[in-house]
Amino acid sequence: MTQITLRNATAVLTAGAFATLAFDAFGQGLSPLLGYPKLAPVGLAGATLKTVFGTNPPGAAHMLHLLTGLIAYAVGWFAIARPLQLAVAPRLHWAITAVLYGIVLWVFALYVMAHLVTGNKPFLGWTGITWVALWGHIVYALVAAWIMEAKGAVLDLRTAPVAVPAE
């Protein structure tokens, strides 16, 4: 079983950083260049802070967006999605799991946070931004998973069979 080490923690943070850069580059740069809507993750973070805490101090929404990508979503892959996949379907390629994880992140962002927490329409009304956000979260998950796989940061919670003494 892989231990949570400084090396793994560094890999998770590195993966989160590059995945957040990829998400923002896609959603705020490439998407508008191709004629699609621009993502506004900082706007959603600000609305979340305002709803939950009644205030959105300057810079707090940017920090929430960055910390979510740098830490929360990356740890979600390392500690939940990949170990769950290894336990349930160990032969499934990590990239397929990453795509599914990206879809889960998208549902969390656009249904749970944007709708249930901040009160927007579910999935922001199924507009163009909905689909850009879907691809952005899939890009995020693929980049994060790829880096963690390349660095060997895989938390495998499966244990070897234990011999039980006969009674």
C-alpha atoms as a PDB file:
ATOM      1  CA  MET A   1       0.000   0.000   0.000  1.00  0.00           C
ATOM      2  CA  THR A   2       1.261   3.460  -0.851  1.00  0.00           C
ATOM      3  CA  GLN A   3       1.898   5.695   2.129  1.00  0.00           C
ATOM      4  CA  ILE A   4       1.009   9.364   2.223  1.00  0.00           C
ATOM      5  CA  THR A   5       4.509  10.768   2.060  1.00  0.00           C
ATOM      6  CA  LEU A   6       6.094  14.151   1.397  1.00  0.00           C
ATOM      7  CA  ARG A   7       6.751  12.896  -2.140  1.00  0.00           C
ATOM      8  CA  ASN A   8       3.056  12.075  -2.625  1.00  0.00           C
ATOM      9  CA  ALA A   9       1.953  15.363  -1.088  1.00  0.00           C
ATOM     10  CA  THR A  10       4.279  17.226  -3.444  1.00  0.00           C
ATOM     11  CA  ALA A  11       2.920  15.262  -6.413  1.00  0.00           C
ATOM     12  CA  VAL A  12      -0.674  16.031  -5.398  1.00  0.00           C
ATOM     13  CA  LEU A  13       0.049  19.759  -5.033  1.00  0.00           C
ATOM     14  CA  THR A  14       1.970  19.833  -8.315  1.00  0.00           C
ATOM     15  CA  ALA A  15      -0.879  18.032 -10.059  1.00  0.00           C
ATOM     16  CA  GLY A  16      -3.404  20.446  -8.544  1.00  0.00           C
ATOM     17  CA  ALA A  17      -1.368  23.462  -9.648  1.00  0.00           C
ATOM     18  CA  PHE A  18      -0.942  22.332 -13.245  1.00  0.00           C
ATOM     19  CA  ALA A  19      -4.521  21.092 -13.489  1.00  0.00           C
ATOM     20  CA  THR A  20      -5.813  24.459 -12.245  1.00  0.00           C
ATOM     21  CA  LEU A  21      -3.648  26.219 -14.826  1.00  0.00           C
ATOM     22  CA  ALA A  22      -5.021  23.917 -17.542  1.00  0.00           C
ATOM     23  CA  PHE A  23      -8.605  24.519 -16.364  1.00  0.00           C
ATOM     24  CA  ASP A  24      -8.161  28.297 -16.382  1.00  0.00           C
ATOM     25  CA  ALA A  25      -6.252  28.315 -19.686  1.00  0.00           C
ATOM     26  CA  PHE A  26      -9.012  26.284 -21.298  1.00  0.00           C
ATOM     27  CA  GLY A  27     -11.984  28.032 -19.705  1.00  0.00           C
ATOM     28  CA  GLN A  28     -10.762  31.611 -19.773  1.00  0.00           C
ATOM     29  CA  GLY A  29      -8.423  31.580 -22.757  1.00  0.00           C
ATOM     30  CA  LEU A  30      -8.962  28.830 -25.302  1.00  0.00           C
ATOM     31  CA  SER A  31     -12.741  28.649 -25.046  1.00  0.00           C
ATOM     32  CA  PRO A  32     -13.310  32.363 -25.834  1.00  0.00           C
ATOM     33  CA  LEU A  33     -10.700  32.187 -28.606  1.00  0.00           C
ATOM     34  CA  LEU A  34     -12.791  29.452 -30.213  1.00  0.00           C
ATOM     35  CA  GLY A  35     -15.991  31.494 -29.868  1.00  0.00           C
ATOM     36  CA  TYR A  36     -17.388  29.780 -26.796  1.00  0.00           C
ATOM     37  CA  PRO A  37     -18.243  31.352 -23.429  1.00  0.00           C
ATOM     38  CA  LYS A  38     -15.569  32.253 -20.908  1.00  0.00           C
ATOM     39  CA  LEU A  39     -15.709  30.471 -17.563  1.00  0.00           C
ATOM     40  CA  ALA A  40     -16.039  32.554 -14.410  1.00  0.00           C
ATOM     41  CA  PRO A  41     -14.947  30.267 -11.555  1.00  0.00           C
ATOM     42  CA  VAL A  42     -13.956  33.228  -9.394  1.00  0.00           C
ATOM     43  CA  GLY A  43     -17.464  34.630  -9.800  1.00  0.00           C
ATOM     44  CA  LEU A  44     -18.971  31.366  -8.575  1.00  0.00           C
ATOM     45  CA  ALA A  45     -16.502  31.283  -5.678  1.00  0.00           C
ATOM     46  CA  GLY A  46     -17.459  34.847  -4.761  1.00  0.00           C
ATOM     47  CA  ALA A  47     -21.175  34.052  -4.894  1.00  0.00           C
ATOM     48  CA  THR A  48     -20.551  31.010  -2.692  1.00  0.00           C
ATOM     49  CA  LEU A  49     -18.667  33.087  -0.111  1.00  0.00           C
ATOM     50  CA  LYS A  50     -21.401  35.733  -0.128  1.00  0.00           C
ATOM     51  CA  THR A  51     -24.141  33.118   0.337  1.00  0.00           C
ATOM     52  CA  VAL A  52     -22.383  31.082   3.011  1.00  0.00           C
ATOM     53  CA  PHE A  53     -20.682  33.851   5.007  1.00  0.00           C
ATOM     54  CA  GLY A  54     -22.673  36.942   4.009  1.00  0.00           C
ATOM     55  CA  THR A  55     -19.553  38.628   2.665  1.00  0.00           C
ATOM     56  CA  ASN A  56     -16.972  38.314  -0.082  1.00  0.00           C
ATOM     57  CA  PRO A  57     -13.818  40.121   1.023  1.00  0.00           C
ATOM     58  CA  PRO A  58     -11.483  41.357  -1.733  1.00  0.00           C
ATOM     59  CA  GLY A  59      -9.296  38.513  -2.976  1.00  0.00           C
ATOM     60  CA  ALA A  60     -11.153  35.798  -1.077  1.00  0.00           C
ATOM     61  CA  ALA A  61     -12.919  34.430  -4.162  1.00  0.00           C
ATOM     62  CA  HIS A  62      -9.627  34.139  -6.029  1.00  0.00           C
ATOM     63  CA  MET A  63      -8.099  32.312  -3.072  1.00  0.00           C
ATOM     64  CA  LEU A  64     -11.079  29.964  -2.802  1.00  0.00           C
ATOM     65  CA  HIS A  65     -10.843  29.110  -6.506  1.00  0.00           C
ATOM     66  CA  LEU A  66      -7.088  28.527  -6.314  1.00  0.00           C
ATOM     67  CA  LEU A  67      -7.223  26.437  -3.134  1.00  0.00           C
ATOM     68  CA  THR A  68     -10.088  24.358  -4.484  1.00  0.00           C
ATOM     69  CA  GLY A  69      -8.059  23.466  -7.570  1.00  0.00           C
ATOM     70  CA  LEU A  70      -4.681  23.251  -5.884  1.00  0.00           C
ATOM     71  CA  ILE A  71      -5.769  21.151  -2.918  1.00  0.00           C
ATOM     72  CA  ALA A  72      -9.401  20.024  -2.661  1.00  0.00           C
ATOM     73  CA  TYR A  73     -10.007  18.599  -6.137  1.00  0.00           C
ATOM     74  CA  ALA A  74      -6.505  17.110  -6.352  1.00  0.00           C
ATOM     75  CA  VAL A  75      -6.864  15.420  -2.960  1.00  0.00           C
ATOM     76  CA  GLY A  76     -10.266  14.168  -4.104  1.00  0.00           C
ATOM     77  CA  TRP A  77      -8.582  12.295  -6.950  1.00  0.00           C
ATOM     78  CA  PHE A  78      -5.736  10.981  -4.812  1.00  0.00           C
ATOM     79  CA  ALA A  79      -7.728   9.973  -1.728  1.00  0.00           C
ATOM     80  CA  ILE A  80     -11.196   9.121  -3.075  1.00  0.00           C
ATOM     81  CA  ALA A  81     -11.614   8.655  -6.837  1.00  0.00           C
ATOM     82  CA  ARG A  82      -8.478   6.646  -7.663  1.00  0.00           C
ATOM     83  CA  PRO A  83      -8.565   4.413  -4.550  1.00  0.00           C
ATOM     84  CA  LEU A  84     -12.278   3.729  -5.150  1.00  0.00           C
ATOM     85  CA  GLN A  85     -11.578   2.787  -8.768  1.00  0.00           C
ATOM     86  CA  LEU A  86      -8.704   0.513  -7.712  1.00  0.00           C
ATOM     87  CA  ALA A  87     -10.974  -1.225  -5.220  1.00  0.00           C
ATOM     88  CA  VAL A  88     -13.937  -1.656  -7.581  1.00  0.00           C
ATOM     89  CA  ALA A  89     -12.407  -1.939 -11.062  1.00  0.00           C
ATOM     90  CA  PRO A  90      -8.611  -2.268 -10.735  1.00  0.00           C
ATOM     91  CA  ARG A  91      -8.066  -3.040 -14.430  1.00  0.00           C
ATOM     92  CA  LEU A  92      -9.867   0.093 -15.630  1.00  0.00           C
ATOM     93  CA  HIS A  93      -7.435   2.622 -17.090  1.00  0.00           C
ATOM     94  CA  TRP A  94      -6.895   5.672 -14.901  1.00  0.00           C
ATOM     95  CA  ALA A  95      -7.823   8.044 -17.779  1.00  0.00           C
ATOM     96  CA  ILE A  96     -11.367   6.667 -17.931  1.00  0.00           C
ATOM     97  CA  THR A  97     -11.684   7.177 -14.196  1.00  0.00           C
ATOM     98  CA  ALA A  98     -10.301  10.703 -14.595  1.00  0.00           C
ATOM     99  CA  VAL A  99     -12.973  11.571 -17.172  1.00  0.00           C
ATOM    100  CA  LEU A 100     -15.652  10.272 -14.796  1.00  0.00           C
ATOM    101  CA  TYR A 101     -14.063  12.251 -11.945  1.00  0.00           C
ATOM    102  CA  GLY A 102     -14.146  15.396 -14.107  1.00  0.00           C
ATOM    103  CA  ILE A 103     -17.866  14.844 -14.662  1.00  0.00           C
ATOM    104  CA  VAL A 104     -18.375  14.458 -10.902  1.00  0.00           C
ATOM    105  CA  LEU A 105     -16.481  17.735 -10.319  1.00  0.00           C
ATOM    106  CA  TRP A 106     -18.685  19.416 -12.932  1.00  0.00           C
ATOM    107  CA  VAL A 107     -21.871  18.189 -11.221  1.00  0.00           C
ATOM    108  CA  PHE A 108     -20.492  19.383  -7.876  1.00  0.00           C
ATOM    109  CA  ALA A 109     -19.610  22.829  -9.251  1.00  0.00           C
ATOM    110  CA  LEU A 110     -22.659  23.482 -11.417  1.00  0.00           C
ATOM    111  CA  TYR A 111     -25.380  21.711  -9.478  1.00  0.00           C
ATOM    112  CA  VAL A 112     -24.318  21.588  -5.844  1.00  0.00           C
ATOM    113  CA  MET A 113     -22.425  24.873  -5.589  1.00  0.00           C
ATOM    114  CA  ALA A 114     -24.014  27.002  -8.343  1.00  0.00           C
ATOM    115  CA  HIS A 115     -27.570  25.788  -7.802  1.00  0.00           C
ATOM    116  CA  LEU A 116     -28.043  24.378  -4.306  1.00  0.00           C
ATOM    117  CA  VAL A 117     -25.679  26.778  -2.530  1.00  0.00           C
ATOM    118  CA  THR A 118     -25.863  30.024  -4.514  1.00  0.00           C
ATOM    119  CA  GLY A 119     -29.363  29.677  -6.005  1.00  0.00           C
ATOM    120  CA  ASN A 120     -28.574  29.837  -9.726  1.00  0.00           C
ATOM    121  CA  LYS A 121     -30.485  27.677 -12.189  1.00  0.00           C
ATOM    122  CA  PRO A 122     -29.370  24.026 -12.175  1.00  0.00           C
ATOM    123  CA  PHE A 123     -26.289  23.686 -14.391  1.00  0.00           C
ATOM    124  CA  LEU A 124     -26.559  27.423 -15.021  1.00  0.00           C
ATOM    125  CA  GLY A 125     -29.590  26.890 -17.249  1.00  0.00           C
ATOM    126  CA  TRP A 126     -27.845  24.509 -19.681  1.00  0.00           C
ATOM    127  CA  THR A 127     -26.286  27.387 -21.614  1.00  0.00           C
ATOM    128  CA  GLY A 128     -22.966  27.423 -23.455  1.00  0.00           C
ATOM    129  CA  ILE A 129     -21.047  27.950 -20.229  1.00  0.00           C
ATOM    130  CA  THR A 130     -22.439  24.632 -18.966  1.00  0.00           C
ATOM    131  CA  TRP A 131     -20.608  22.702 -21.674  1.00  0.00           C
ATOM    132  CA  VAL A 132     -17.407  24.715 -21.403  1.00  0.00           C
ATOM    133  CA  ALA A 133     -17.437  23.960 -17.683  1.00  0.00           C
ATOM    134  CA  LEU A 134     -17.921  20.249 -18.390  1.00  0.00           C
ATOM    135  CA  TRP A 135     -14.888  20.121 -20.672  1.00  0.00           C
ATOM    136  CA  GLY A 136     -12.898  22.322 -18.302  1.00  0.00           C
ATOM    137  CA  HIS A 137     -13.487  19.951 -15.387  1.00  0.00           C
ATOM    138  CA  ILE A 138     -12.598  16.953 -17.541  1.00  0.00           C
ATOM    139  CA  VAL A 139      -9.377  18.706 -18.625  1.00  0.00           C
ATOM    140  CA  TYR A 140      -8.628  19.442 -14.964  1.00  0.00           C
ATOM    141  CA  ALA A 141      -9.149  15.814 -13.932  1.00  0.00           C
ATOM    142  CA  LEU A 142      -7.090  14.388 -16.796  1.00  0.00           C
ATOM    143  CA  VAL A 143      -4.144  16.693 -16.120  1.00  0.00           C
ATOM    144  CA  ALA A 144      -4.207  16.088 -12.362  1.00  0.00           C
ATOM    145  CA  ALA A 145      -4.544  12.317 -12.757  1.00  0.00           C
ATOM    146  CA  TRP A 146      -1.831  12.135 -15.405  1.00  0.00           C
ATOM    147  CA  ILE A 147       0.676  13.963 -13.208  1.00  0.00           C
ATOM    148  CA  MET A 148      -0.120  11.856 -10.153  1.00  0.00           C
ATOM    149  CA  GLU A 149       0.126   8.655 -12.199  1.00  0.00           C
ATOM    150  CA  ALA A 150       3.428   9.771 -13.712  1.00  0.00           C
ATOM    151  CA  LYS A 151       4.795  10.563 -10.240  1.00  0.00           C
ATOM    152  CA  GLY A 152       3.493   7.300  -8.788  1.00  0.00           C
ATOM    153  CA  ALA A 153       1.232   9.102  -6.328  1.00  0.00           C
ATOM    154  CA  VAL A 154      -1.423   6.409  -6.136  1.00  0.00           C
ATOM    155  CA  LEU A 155      -3.132   5.653  -2.851  1.00  0.00           C
ATOM    156  CA  ASP A 156      -3.985   1.969  -3.107  1.00  0.00           C
ATOM    157  CA  LEU A 157      -6.095   1.011  -0.113  1.00  0.00           C
ATOM    158  CA  ARG A 158      -6.474  -2.586  -1.158  1.00  0.00           C
ATOM    159  CA  THR A 159      -4.840  -4.917   1.286  1.00  0.00           C
ATOM    160  CA  ALA A 160      -3.283  -8.289   0.717  1.00  0.00           C
ATOM    161  CA  PRO A 161      -5.457 -11.227   1.687  1.00  0.00           C
ATOM    162  CA  VAL A 162      -5.061 -12.083   5.334  1.00  0.00           C
ATOM    163  CA  ALA A 163      -4.778 -15.701   6.339  1.00  0.00           C
ATOM    164  CA  VAL A 164      -7.326 -16.517   9.013  1.00  0.00           C
ATOM    165  CA  PRO A 165      -6.269 -19.318  11.335  1.00  0.00           C
ATOM    166  CA  ALA A 166      -8.524 -22.345  11.406  1.00  0.00           C
ATOM    167  CA  GLU A 167     -10.532 -22.790  14.558  1.00  0.00           C
END
